[in-house]
Amino acid sequence: MQEAAGRREEASYILEAHGAQPLAALVRLVAAERAGRETPGLRRAVAFYERAGATAYLARAERLLQASA
């Protein structure tokens, strides 16, 4: 399971490097949701969603951040 999480994180960086920030943020959010906790990339996803004004995605991320606190 940890290998899959690492691959999602790697995929998010590749997507971001190619200018696909929305997809990279989604991959990071889904990775955290599957883990059921904050993951290394979740804060990067939150930062993107804040800049984009994506309130629905922010709400999903905030639930994970609160659960991890």
N, C-alpha and C. Protein backbone atom coordinates (compact mmCIF):
# COMPACT_ATOMS: atom_id res chain seq x y z
N MET A 1 0.82 -1.19 0.00
CA MET A 1 0.00 0.00 0.00
C MET A 1 0.87 1.26 0.00
N GLN A 2 1.96 1.20 0.74
CA GLN A 2 2.84 2.37 0.80
C GLN A 2 3.48 2.63 -0.56
N GLU A 3 3.72 1.57 -1.32
CA GLU A 3 4.30 1.74 -2.65
C GLU A 3 3.34 2.52 -3.54
N ALA A 4 2.05 2.21 -3.46
CA ALA A 4 1.05 2.93 -4.27
C ALA A 4 1.00 4.40 -3.86
N ALA A 5 1.08 4.67 -2.57
CA ALA A 5 1.07 6.06 -2.10
C ALA A 5 2.28 6.81 -2.64
N GLY A 6 3.41 6.17 -2.65
CA GLY A 6 4.62 6.79 -3.19
C GLY A 6 4.50 7.07 -4.68
N ARG A 7 3.84 6.18 -5.38
CA ARG A 7 3.65 6.39 -6.82
C ARG A 7 2.69 7.54 -7.08
N ARG A 8 1.66 7.68 -6.25
CA ARG A 8 0.74 8.81 -6.42
C ARG A 8 1.48 10.12 -6.17
N GLU A 9 2.31 10.14 -5.16
CA GLU A 9 3.08 11.36 -4.86
C GLU A 9 4.02 11.68 -6.02
N GLU A 10 4.68 10.67 -6.54
CA GLU A 10 5.57 10.86 -7.69
C GLU A 10 4.79 11.37 -8.90
N ALA A 11 3.64 10.78 -9.13
CA ALA A 11 2.79 11.21 -10.26
C ALA A 11 2.38 12.66 -10.11
N SER A 12 2.10 13.08 -8.88
CA SER A 12 1.67 14.47 -8.68
C SER A 12 2.79 15.45 -9.04
N TYR A 13 4.03 15.09 -8.73
CA TYR A 13 5.14 15.97 -9.09
C TYR A 13 5.36 16.01 -10.60
N ILE A 14 5.18 14.88 -11.26
CA ILE A 14 5.33 14.85 -12.71
C ILE A 14 4.24 15.70 -13.36
N LEU A 15 3.01 15.55 -12.90
CA LEU A 15 1.90 16.35 -13.43
C LEU A 15 2.17 17.84 -13.23
N GLU A 16 2.61 18.20 -12.04
CA GLU A 16 2.90 19.59 -11.74
C GLU A 16 4.00 20.15 -12.64
N ALA A 17 5.03 19.35 -12.86
CA ALA A 17 6.14 19.78 -13.70
C ALA A 17 5.71 20.03 -15.14
N HIS A 18 4.64 19.36 -15.55
CA HIS A 18 4.13 19.52 -16.91
C HIS A 18 3.00 20.54 -16.98
N GLY A 19 2.81 21.29 -15.91
CA GLY A 19 1.81 22.36 -15.91
C GLY A 19 0.40 21.93 -15.61
N ALA A 20 0.23 20.72 -15.14
CA ALA A 20 -1.11 20.21 -14.83
C ALA A 20 -1.38 20.32 -13.33
N GLN A 21 -1.33 21.54 -12.82
CA GLN A 21 -1.50 21.75 -11.39
C GLN A 21 -2.85 21.25 -10.86
N PRO A 22 -3.96 21.46 -11.58
CA PRO A 22 -5.23 20.94 -11.05
C PRO A 22 -5.22 19.42 -10.88
N LEU A 23 -4.65 18.71 -11.84
CA LEU A 23 -4.57 17.25 -11.72
C LEU A 23 -3.61 16.84 -10.61
N ALA A 24 -2.50 17.54 -10.49
CA ALA A 24 -1.54 17.23 -9.43
C ALA A 24 -2.20 17.40 -8.06
N ALA A 25 -2.95 18.47 -7.90
CA ALA A 25 -3.63 18.71 -6.62
C ALA A 25 -4.66 17.62 -6.35
N LEU A 26 -5.38 17.20 -7.38
CA LEU A 26 -6.38 16.15 -7.20
C LEU A 26 -5.72 14.83 -6.81
N VAL A 27 -4.62 14.50 -7.45
CA VAL A 27 -3.90 13.27 -7.11
C VAL A 27 -3.46 13.32 -5.64
N ARG A 28 -2.98 14.48 -5.20
CA ARG A 28 -2.54 14.62 -3.80
C ARG A 28 -3.71 14.50 -2.84
N LEU A 29 -4.83 15.09 -3.20
CA LEU A 29 -6.02 15.01 -2.34
C LEU A 29 -6.53 13.57 -2.25
N VAL A 30 -6.63 12.90 -3.37
CA VAL A 30 -7.11 11.52 -3.38
C VAL A 30 -6.15 10.61 -2.61
N ALA A 31 -4.86 10.85 -2.74
CA ALA A 31 -3.88 10.05 -1.99
C ALA A 31 -4.11 10.20 -0.49
N ALA A 32 -4.36 11.41 -0.04
CA ALA A 32 -4.63 11.64 1.38
C ALA A 32 -5.95 11.00 1.80
N GLU A 33 -6.96 11.10 0.95
CA GLU A 33 -8.24 10.47 1.27
C GLU A 33 -8.11 8.96 1.39
N ARG A 34 -7.36 8.37 0.50
CA ARG A 34 -7.16 6.92 0.56
C ARG A 34 -6.37 6.52 1.80
N ALA A 35 -5.44 7.36 2.20
CA ALA A 35 -4.65 7.08 3.41
C ALA A 35 -5.47 7.38 4.67
N GLY A 36 -6.49 8.22 4.52
CA GLY A 36 -7.32 8.58 5.67
C GLY A 36 -6.64 9.54 6.63
N ARG A 37 -5.65 10.25 6.13
CA ARG A 37 -4.88 11.16 6.98
C ARG A 37 -4.14 12.15 6.10
N GLU A 38 -3.46 13.10 6.75
CA GLU A 38 -2.62 14.04 6.00
C GLU A 38 -1.44 13.30 5.41
N THR A 39 -1.15 13.60 4.17
CA THR A 39 0.01 13.03 3.49
C THR A 39 0.95 14.17 3.12
N PRO A 40 2.18 13.85 2.71
CA PRO A 40 3.14 14.92 2.41
C PRO A 40 2.65 15.95 1.39
N GLY A 41 1.87 15.54 0.41
CA GLY A 41 1.44 16.47 -0.62
C GLY A 41 0.14 17.20 -0.34
N LEU A 42 -0.54 16.86 0.73
CA LEU A 42 -1.86 17.46 0.97
C LEU A 42 -1.79 18.97 1.14
N ARG A 43 -0.80 19.46 1.83
CA ARG A 43 -0.69 20.91 2.04
C ARG A 43 -0.44 21.64 0.71
N ARG A 44 0.27 21.00 -0.22
CA ARG A 44 0.47 21.60 -1.54
C ARG A 44 -0.86 21.67 -2.28
N ALA A 45 -1.67 20.63 -2.13
CA ALA A 45 -3.00 20.64 -2.76
C ALA A 45 -3.85 21.75 -2.16
N VAL A 46 -3.80 21.90 -0.84
CA VAL A 46 -4.57 22.95 -0.17
C VAL A 46 -4.15 24.32 -0.69
N ALA A 47 -2.86 24.53 -0.80
CA ALA A 47 -2.37 25.82 -1.29
C ALA A 47 -2.89 26.10 -2.70
N PHE A 48 -2.90 25.09 -3.55
CA PHE A 48 -3.44 25.28 -4.90
C PHE A 48 -4.92 25.60 -4.85
N TYR A 49 -5.67 24.83 -4.08
CA TYR A 49 -7.12 25.03 -4.02
C TYR A 49 -7.47 26.40 -3.43
N GLU A 50 -6.67 26.88 -2.51
CA GLU A 50 -6.90 28.23 -1.97
C GLU A 50 -6.70 29.28 -3.05
N ARG A 51 -5.63 29.15 -3.82
CA ARG A 51 -5.38 30.10 -4.92
C ARG A 51 -6.48 30.05 -5.97
N ALA A 52 -6.98 28.84 -6.23
CA ALA A 52 -7.99 28.66 -7.28
C ALA A 52 -9.40 28.96 -6.78
N GLY A 53 -9.58 29.08 -5.47
CA GLY A 53 -10.91 29.31 -4.92
C GLY A 53 -11.80 28.09 -5.02
N ALA A 54 -11.20 26.91 -4.97
CA ALA A 54 -11.93 25.65 -5.11
C ALA A 54 -12.44 25.19 -3.75
N THR A 55 -13.56 25.76 -3.34
CA THR A 55 -14.05 25.54 -1.97
C THR A 55 -14.47 24.10 -1.70
N ALA A 56 -15.02 23.41 -2.68
CA ALA A 56 -15.44 22.02 -2.45
C ALA A 56 -14.22 21.13 -2.18
N TYR A 57 -13.16 21.33 -2.94
CA TYR A 57 -11.94 20.55 -2.72
C TYR A 57 -11.27 20.95 -1.41
N LEU A 58 -11.32 22.23 -1.08
CA LEU A 58 -10.77 22.68 0.20
C LEU A 58 -11.49 22.02 1.37
N ALA A 59 -12.79 21.90 1.27
CA ALA A 59 -13.56 21.26 2.33
C ALA A 59 -13.14 19.81 2.52
N ARG A 60 -12.93 19.11 1.42
CA ARG A 60 -12.46 17.72 1.51
C ARG A 60 -11.10 17.65 2.19
N ALA A 61 -10.20 18.55 1.82
CA ALA A 61 -8.86 18.56 2.39
C ALA A 61 -8.90 18.95 3.87
N GLU A 62 -9.73 19.93 4.22
CA GLU A 62 -9.83 20.36 5.62
C GLU A 62 -10.29 19.24 6.53
N ARG A 63 -11.19 18.39 6.05
CA ARG A 63 -11.63 17.25 6.86
C ARG A 63 -10.45 16.35 7.19
N LEU A 64 -9.58 16.13 6.23
CA LEU A 64 -8.40 15.28 6.46
C LEU A 64 -7.42 15.94 7.42
N LEU A 65 -7.23 17.24 7.26
CA LEU A 65 -6.32 17.96 8.15
C LEU A 65 -6.83 17.93 9.59
N GLN A 66 -8.14 18.09 9.75
CA GLN A 66 -8.72 18.04 11.10
C GLN A 66 -8.60 16.64 11.70
N ALA A 67 -8.79 15.62 10.88
CA ALA A 67 -8.69 14.24 11.37
C ALA A 67 -7.26 13.91 11.77
N SER A 68 -6.28 14.56 11.14
CA SER A 68 -4.87 14.28 11.44
C SER A 68 -4.37 15.07 12.64
N ALA A 69 -5.12 16.07 13.05
CA ALA A 69 -4.66 16.95 14.16
C ALA A 69 -4.77 16.25 15.49
